[in-house]
Amino acid sequence: MKIKKKEKKKQNSLIKNICIVYSAMFKRYRSAPWLVALYIAVSVAMPFLTTLTPSLAIAGITSGSIKTFLIYSTAAVTAFCVLSALKGFCNTKMMSKHAYTRIGVFMMNFFKKTILTDYLNIEPQPKQKLMGKAVNAVNSDYEGAQNLSRLGLEMIIILFGITIYGTAIFMLDWKILLVMLGMFIADILLR
């Protein structure tokens, strides 16, 4: 019988946990990195297209030709529909990959841990709480690895969006950037 020394276990940071979840998903699914990159690009580009649509409509109206107005409006609406379809497709595929990663990787790791657990020595309260947290993390799609991967992606999109929009807006007026930063902080705190 081996006596295990107590090891000091340090907790991972949120960013490290997100990296662990995504590295497991990227190892398991080769198309996942491309889906994530496309989803981020489309999510960041859609607000730019939304603000560009009225500008195109005004440019078409002021050109004096109804044909130009219709071409600009049709192009903007078509581009928005294509981006919305791409975002929906990527979102559907990624949600299934998040779920399959949770079930196929993290739930299997939990099952291996439960098979090797000495249930006679799990009586202390901290160990019971730890097992309870582990069950909740792999059992639910709104806790643990799947929720972390879903919300981690949204956090990345928000940070990219603030960086890109912040750069564009800073060139126009820096006060708008402060409002956007306040909205970002409120969004993170209220979620």
C-alpha atoms as a PDB file:
ATOM      1  CA  MET A   1       0.000   0.000   0.000  1.00  0.00           C
ATOM      2  CA  LYS A   2       1.488   3.322  -1.101  1.00  0.00           C
ATOM      3  CA  ILE A   3       1.125   6.365   1.047  1.00  0.00           C
ATOM      4  CA  LYS A   4       0.616   9.459  -1.058  1.00  0.00           C
ATOM      5  CA  LYS A   5       2.140  12.687   0.092  1.00  0.00           C
ATOM      6  CA  LYS A   6      -0.204  15.605   0.235  1.00  0.00           C
ATOM      7  CA  GLU A   7       0.451  17.728  -2.768  1.00  0.00           C
ATOM      8  CA  LYS A   8      -0.295  21.391  -2.799  1.00  0.00           C
ATOM      9  CA  LYS A   9      -2.777  21.811  -5.616  1.00  0.00           C
ATOM     10  CA  LYS A  10      -2.957  25.246  -7.097  1.00  0.00           C
ATOM     11  CA  GLN A  11      -5.995  26.381  -8.981  1.00  0.00           C
ATOM     12  CA  ASN A  12      -5.795  27.286 -12.624  1.00  0.00           C
ATOM     13  CA  SER A  13      -6.751  30.733 -13.798  1.00  0.00           C
ATOM     14  CA  LEU A  14      -9.807  31.290 -15.964  1.00  0.00           C
ATOM     15  CA  ILE A  15      -7.677  31.886 -19.067  1.00  0.00           C
ATOM     16  CA  LYS A  16      -5.702  28.676 -18.452  1.00  0.00           C
ATOM     17  CA  ASN A  17      -8.946  26.709 -18.056  1.00  0.00           C
ATOM     18  CA  ILE A  18     -10.270  28.145 -21.325  1.00  0.00           C
ATOM     19  CA  CYS A  19      -6.996  27.153 -23.033  1.00  0.00           C
ATOM     20  CA  ILE A  20      -7.281  23.611 -21.612  1.00  0.00           C
ATOM     21  CA  VAL A  21     -10.850  23.219 -22.875  1.00  0.00           C
ATOM     22  CA  TYR A  22     -10.068  24.576 -26.340  1.00  0.00           C
ATOM     23  CA  SER A  23      -6.867  22.550 -26.700  1.00  0.00           C
ATOM     24  CA  ALA A  24      -8.880  19.413 -25.904  1.00  0.00           C
ATOM     25  CA  MET A  25     -11.476  20.419 -28.503  1.00  0.00           C
ATOM     26  CA  PHE A  26      -8.836  21.289 -31.119  1.00  0.00           C
ATOM     27  CA  LYS A  27      -7.085  17.934 -30.607  1.00  0.00           C
ATOM     28  CA  ARG A  28     -10.348  16.060 -30.977  1.00  0.00           C
ATOM     29  CA  TYR A  29     -11.772  17.974 -33.964  1.00  0.00           C
ATOM     30  CA  ARG A  30      -9.566  19.254 -36.756  1.00  0.00           C
ATOM     31  CA  SER A  31     -12.223  21.600 -38.134  1.00  0.00           C
ATOM     32  CA  ALA A  32     -12.722  23.347 -34.776  1.00  0.00           C
ATOM     33  CA  PRO A  33      -9.928  25.957 -35.142  1.00  0.00           C
ATOM     34  CA  TRP A  34     -11.300  27.052 -38.511  1.00  0.00           C
ATOM     35  CA  LEU A  35     -14.838  27.249 -37.141  1.00  0.00           C
ATOM     36  CA  VAL A  36     -13.696  29.318 -34.168  1.00  0.00           C
ATOM     37  CA  ALA A  37     -11.681  31.690 -36.378  1.00  0.00           C
ATOM     38  CA  LEU A  38     -14.565  32.086 -38.852  1.00  0.00           C
ATOM     39  CA  TYR A  39     -17.061  32.648 -36.031  1.00  0.00           C
ATOM     40  CA  ILE A  40     -14.867  35.336 -34.463  1.00  0.00           C
ATOM     41  CA  ALA A  41     -14.291  37.054 -37.823  1.00  0.00           C
ATOM     42  CA  VAL A  42     -17.990  37.054 -38.720  1.00  0.00           C
ATOM     43  CA  SER A  43     -19.042  38.192 -35.237  1.00  0.00           C
ATOM     44  CA  VAL A  44     -16.638  41.123 -35.374  1.00  0.00           C
ATOM     45  CA  ALA A  45     -17.515  42.022 -39.001  1.00  0.00           C
ATOM     46  CA  MET A  46     -21.312  42.013 -38.606  1.00  0.00           C
ATOM     47  CA  PRO A  47     -21.565  45.255 -36.580  1.00  0.00           C
ATOM     48  CA  PHE A  48     -19.374  47.010 -39.144  1.00  0.00           C
ATOM     49  CA  LEU A  49     -21.719  45.828 -41.891  1.00  0.00           C
ATOM     50  CA  THR A  50     -24.720  46.953 -39.861  1.00  0.00           C
ATOM     51  CA  THR A  51     -23.302  50.469 -39.620  1.00  0.00           C
ATOM     52  CA  LEU A  52     -22.286  50.403 -43.282  1.00  0.00           C
ATOM     53  CA  THR A  53     -25.805  49.556 -44.543  1.00  0.00           C
ATOM     54  CA  PRO A  54     -27.383  52.992 -43.909  1.00  0.00           C
ATOM     55  CA  SER A  55     -24.299  54.675 -45.371  1.00  0.00           C
ATOM     56  CA  LEU A  56     -24.677  52.623 -48.551  1.00  0.00           C
ATOM     57  CA  ALA A  57     -28.381  53.467 -48.729  1.00  0.00           C
ATOM     58  CA  ILE A  58     -27.646  57.190 -48.368  1.00  0.00           C
ATOM     59  CA  ALA A  59     -24.883  56.953 -50.982  1.00  0.00           C
ATOM     60  CA  GLY A  60     -27.310  55.214 -53.342  1.00  0.00           C
ATOM     61  CA  ILE A  61     -30.037  57.812 -52.793  1.00  0.00           C
ATOM     62  CA  THR A  62     -27.680  60.756 -53.264  1.00  0.00           C
ATOM     63  CA  SER A  63     -26.236  59.280 -56.458  1.00  0.00           C
ATOM     64  CA  GLY A  64     -29.455  60.231 -58.235  1.00  0.00           C
ATOM     65  CA  SER A  65     -30.079  56.782 -59.702  1.00  0.00           C
ATOM     66  CA  ILE A  66     -32.637  54.360 -58.321  1.00  0.00           C
ATOM     67  CA  LYS A  67     -30.665  51.518 -59.888  1.00  0.00           C
ATOM     68  CA  THR A  68     -27.564  52.415 -57.846  1.00  0.00           C
ATOM     69  CA  PHE A  69     -29.683  52.639 -54.685  1.00  0.00           C
ATOM     70  CA  LEU A  70     -31.166  49.184 -55.316  1.00  0.00           C
ATOM     71  CA  ILE A  71     -27.760  47.668 -56.069  1.00  0.00           C
ATOM     72  CA  TYR A  72     -26.222  49.101 -52.870  1.00  0.00           C
ATOM     73  CA  SER A  73     -29.189  48.091 -50.724  1.00  0.00           C
ATOM     74  CA  THR A  74     -29.343  44.596 -52.215  1.00  0.00           C
ATOM     75  CA  ALA A  75     -25.599  44.105 -51.765  1.00  0.00           C
ATOM     76  CA  ALA A  76     -25.751  45.191 -48.113  1.00  0.00           C
ATOM     77  CA  VAL A  77     -28.749  42.988 -47.300  1.00  0.00           C
ATOM     78  CA  THR A  78     -27.239  40.016 -49.159  1.00  0.00           C
ATOM     79  CA  ALA A  79     -23.907  40.410 -47.360  1.00  0.00           C
ATOM     80  CA  PHE A  80     -25.707  40.621 -44.005  1.00  0.00           C
ATOM     81  CA  CYS A  81     -27.732  37.479 -44.813  1.00  0.00           C
ATOM     82  CA  VAL A  82     -24.586  35.584 -45.836  1.00  0.00           C
ATOM     83  CA  LEU A  83     -22.761  36.622 -42.661  1.00  0.00           C
ATOM     84  CA  SER A  84     -25.786  35.709 -40.528  1.00  0.00           C
ATOM     85  CA  ALA A  85     -25.974  32.287 -42.181  1.00  0.00           C
ATOM     86  CA  LEU A  86     -22.228  31.722 -41.645  1.00  0.00           C
ATOM     87  CA  LYS A  87     -22.518  32.757 -38.004  1.00  0.00           C
ATOM     88  CA  GLY A  88     -25.502  30.450 -37.464  1.00  0.00           C
ATOM     89  CA  PHE A  89     -23.738  27.536 -39.169  1.00  0.00           C
ATOM     90  CA  CYS A  90     -20.547  28.018 -37.143  1.00  0.00           C
ATOM     91  CA  ASN A  91     -22.533  28.439 -33.931  1.00  0.00           C
ATOM     92  CA  THR A  92     -24.467  25.204 -34.491  1.00  0.00           C
ATOM     93  CA  LYS A  93     -21.346  23.218 -35.339  1.00  0.00           C
ATOM     94  CA  MET A  94     -19.369  24.642 -32.432  1.00  0.00           C
ATOM     95  CA  MET A  95     -22.135  24.014 -29.891  1.00  0.00           C
ATOM     96  CA  SER A  96     -22.176  20.351 -30.871  1.00  0.00           C
ATOM     97  CA  LYS A  97     -18.370  20.206 -30.677  1.00  0.00           C
ATOM     98  CA  HIS A  98     -18.486  21.826 -27.218  1.00  0.00           C
ATOM     99  CA  ALA A  99     -20.988  19.191 -26.057  1.00  0.00           C
ATOM    100  CA  TYR A 100     -19.073  16.288 -27.614  1.00  0.00           C
ATOM    101  CA  THR A 101     -15.837  17.532 -26.032  1.00  0.00           C
ATOM    102  CA  ARG A 102     -17.505  17.731 -22.620  1.00  0.00           C
ATOM    103  CA  ILE A 103     -18.961  14.242 -22.967  1.00  0.00           C
ATOM    104  CA  GLY A 104     -16.078  12.574 -24.798  1.00  0.00           C
ATOM    105  CA  VAL A 105     -13.114  14.086 -22.981  1.00  0.00           C
ATOM    106  CA  PHE A 106     -14.045  15.552 -19.628  1.00  0.00           C
ATOM    107  CA  MET A 107     -16.785  13.090 -18.705  1.00  0.00           C
ATOM    108  CA  MET A 108     -14.484  10.187 -19.578  1.00  0.00           C
ATOM    109  CA  ASN A 109     -11.751  11.699 -17.394  1.00  0.00           C
ATOM    110  CA  PHE A 110     -14.289  11.983 -14.572  1.00  0.00           C
ATOM    111  CA  PHE A 111     -15.341   8.352 -15.030  1.00  0.00           C
ATOM    112  CA  LYS A 112     -11.697   7.256 -14.860  1.00  0.00           C
ATOM    113  CA  LYS A 113     -11.299   9.264 -11.664  1.00  0.00           C
ATOM    114  CA  THR A 114     -14.428   7.750 -10.091  1.00  0.00           C
ATOM    115  CA  ILE A 115     -13.313   4.232 -10.939  1.00  0.00           C
ATOM    116  CA  LEU A 116      -9.994   4.799  -9.170  1.00  0.00           C
ATOM    117  CA  THR A 117     -11.454   6.666  -6.174  1.00  0.00           C
ATOM    118  CA  ASP A 118     -11.210   5.062  -2.766  1.00  0.00           C
ATOM    119  CA  TYR A 119     -14.745   5.639  -1.499  1.00  0.00           C
ATOM    120  CA  LEU A 120     -13.848   4.534   2.016  1.00  0.00           C
ATOM    121  CA  ASN A 121     -11.616   7.579   2.398  1.00  0.00           C
ATOM    122  CA  ILE A 122     -13.880  10.123   0.727  1.00  0.00           C
ATOM    123  CA  GLU A 123     -15.787  10.813   3.920  1.00  0.00           C
ATOM    124  CA  PRO A 124     -14.143  14.165   4.767  1.00  0.00           C
ATOM    125  CA  GLN A 125     -16.312  17.110   3.767  1.00  0.00           C
ATOM    126  CA  PRO A 126     -13.821  18.805   1.374  1.00  0.00           C
ATOM    127  CA  LYS A 127     -13.504  15.645  -0.733  1.00  0.00           C
ATOM    128  CA  GLN A 128     -17.283  15.275  -0.919  1.00  0.00           C
ATOM    129  CA  LYS A 129     -17.607  18.874  -2.090  1.00  0.00           C
ATOM    130  CA  LEU A 130     -14.910  18.318  -4.693  1.00  0.00           C
ATOM    131  CA  MET A 131     -16.685  15.243  -6.093  1.00  0.00           C
ATOM    132  CA  GLY A 132     -19.983  17.148  -6.114  1.00  0.00           C
ATOM    133  CA  LYS A 133     -18.423  19.993  -8.094  1.00  0.00           C
ATOM    134  CA  ALA A 134     -16.923  17.507 -10.528  1.00  0.00           C
ATOM    135  CA  VAL A 135     -20.312  15.854 -11.077  1.00  0.00           C
ATOM    136  CA  ASN A 136     -21.919  19.233 -11.778  1.00  0.00           C
ATOM    137  CA  ALA A 137     -19.102  20.251 -14.116  1.00  0.00           C
ATOM    138  CA  VAL A 138     -19.421  17.226 -16.394  1.00  0.00           C
ATOM    139  CA  ASN A 139     -23.154  16.632 -16.027  1.00  0.00           C
ATOM    140  CA  SER A 140     -24.537  19.978 -17.150  1.00  0.00           C
ATOM    141  CA  ASP A 141     -24.005  21.959 -20.318  1.00  0.00           C
ATOM    142  CA  TYR A 142     -24.399  25.226 -18.394  1.00  0.00           C
ATOM    143  CA  GLU A 143     -21.548  24.468 -15.982  1.00  0.00           C
ATOM    144  CA  GLY A 144     -18.019  23.263 -16.365  1.00  0.00           C
ATOM    145  CA  ALA A 145     -16.163  22.736 -19.617  1.00  0.00           C
ATOM    146  CA  GLN A 146     -18.998  23.349 -22.059  1.00  0.00           C
ATOM    147  CA  ASN A 147     -20.113  26.606 -20.480  1.00  0.00           C
ATOM    148  CA  LEU A 148     -16.502  27.716 -20.107  1.00  0.00           C
ATOM    149  CA  SER A 149     -15.812  27.119 -23.804  1.00  0.00           C
ATOM    150  CA  ARG A 150     -18.990  28.903 -24.871  1.00  0.00           C
ATOM    151  CA  LEU A 151     -18.452  31.951 -22.640  1.00  0.00           C
ATOM    152  CA  GLY A 152     -14.707  31.983 -23.328  1.00  0.00           C
ATOM    153  CA  LEU A 153     -15.427  32.439 -27.021  1.00  0.00           C
ATOM    154  CA  GLU A 154     -17.828  35.291 -26.289  1.00  0.00           C
ATOM    155  CA  MET A 155     -15.174  36.953 -24.125  1.00  0.00           C
ATOM    156  CA  ILE A 156     -12.650  36.681 -26.976  1.00  0.00           C
ATOM    157  CA  ILE A 157     -15.155  38.204 -29.414  1.00  0.00           C
ATOM    158  CA  ILE A 158     -15.871  41.081 -27.025  1.00  0.00           C
ATOM    159  CA  LEU A 159     -12.151  41.768 -26.547  1.00  0.00           C
ATOM    160  CA  PHE A 160     -11.457  41.655 -30.312  1.00  0.00           C
ATOM    161  CA  GLY A 161     -14.486  43.842 -30.965  1.00  0.00           C
ATOM    162  CA  ILE A 162     -13.438  46.429 -28.400  1.00  0.00           C
ATOM    163  CA  THR A 163      -9.912  46.468 -29.794  1.00  0.00           C
ATOM    164  CA  ILE A 164     -11.015  46.855 -33.413  1.00  0.00           C
ATOM    165  CA  TYR A 165     -13.949  49.196 -32.784  1.00  0.00           C
ATOM    166  CA  GLY A 166     -11.913  51.089 -30.215  1.00  0.00           C
ATOM    167  CA  THR A 167      -9.187  51.737 -32.759  1.00  0.00           C
ATOM    168  CA  ALA A 168     -11.719  52.875 -35.356  1.00  0.00           C
ATOM    169  CA  ILE A 169     -13.623  55.062 -32.916  1.00  0.00           C
ATOM    170  CA  PHE A 170     -10.491  56.498 -31.291  1.00  0.00           C
ATOM    171  CA  MET A 171      -9.631  57.950 -34.680  1.00  0.00           C
ATOM    172  CA  LEU A 172     -13.046  59.650 -34.718  1.00  0.00           C
ATOM    173  CA  ASP A 173     -13.689  60.602 -31.079  1.00  0.00           C
ATOM    174  CA  TRP A 174     -12.112  59.169 -27.925  1.00  0.00           C
ATOM    175  CA  LYS A 175     -15.189  59.858 -25.728  1.00  0.00           C
ATOM    176  CA  ILE A 176     -17.139  57.148 -27.529  1.00  0.00           C
ATOM    177  CA  LEU A 177     -14.366  54.713 -26.618  1.00  0.00           C
ATOM    178  CA  LEU A 178     -14.922  55.429 -22.912  1.00  0.00           C
ATOM    179  CA  VAL A 179     -18.638  54.687 -23.307  1.00  0.00           C
ATOM    180  CA  MET A 180     -17.843  51.392 -25.065  1.00  0.00           C
ATOM    181  CA  LEU A 181     -15.368  50.449 -22.342  1.00  0.00           C
ATOM    182  CA  GLY A 182     -18.014  51.131 -19.698  1.00  0.00           C
ATOM    183  CA  MET A 183     -20.510  48.985 -21.628  1.00  0.00           C
ATOM    184  CA  PHE A 184     -17.955  46.159 -21.803  1.00  0.00           C
ATOM    185  CA  ILE A 185     -17.293  46.268 -18.062  1.00  0.00           C
ATOM    186  CA  ALA A 186     -21.035  46.337 -17.341  1.00  0.00           C
ATOM    187  CA  ASP A 187     -21.564  43.379 -19.696  1.00  0.00           C
ATOM    188  CA  ILE A 188     -18.880  41.309 -17.960  1.00  0.00           C
ATOM    189  CA  LEU A 189     -20.125  42.199 -14.470  1.00  0.00           C
ATOM    190  CA  LEU A 190     -23.808  41.571 -15.219  1.00  0.00           C
ATOM    191  CA  ARG A 191     -23.311  38.161 -16.834  1.00  0.00           C
END
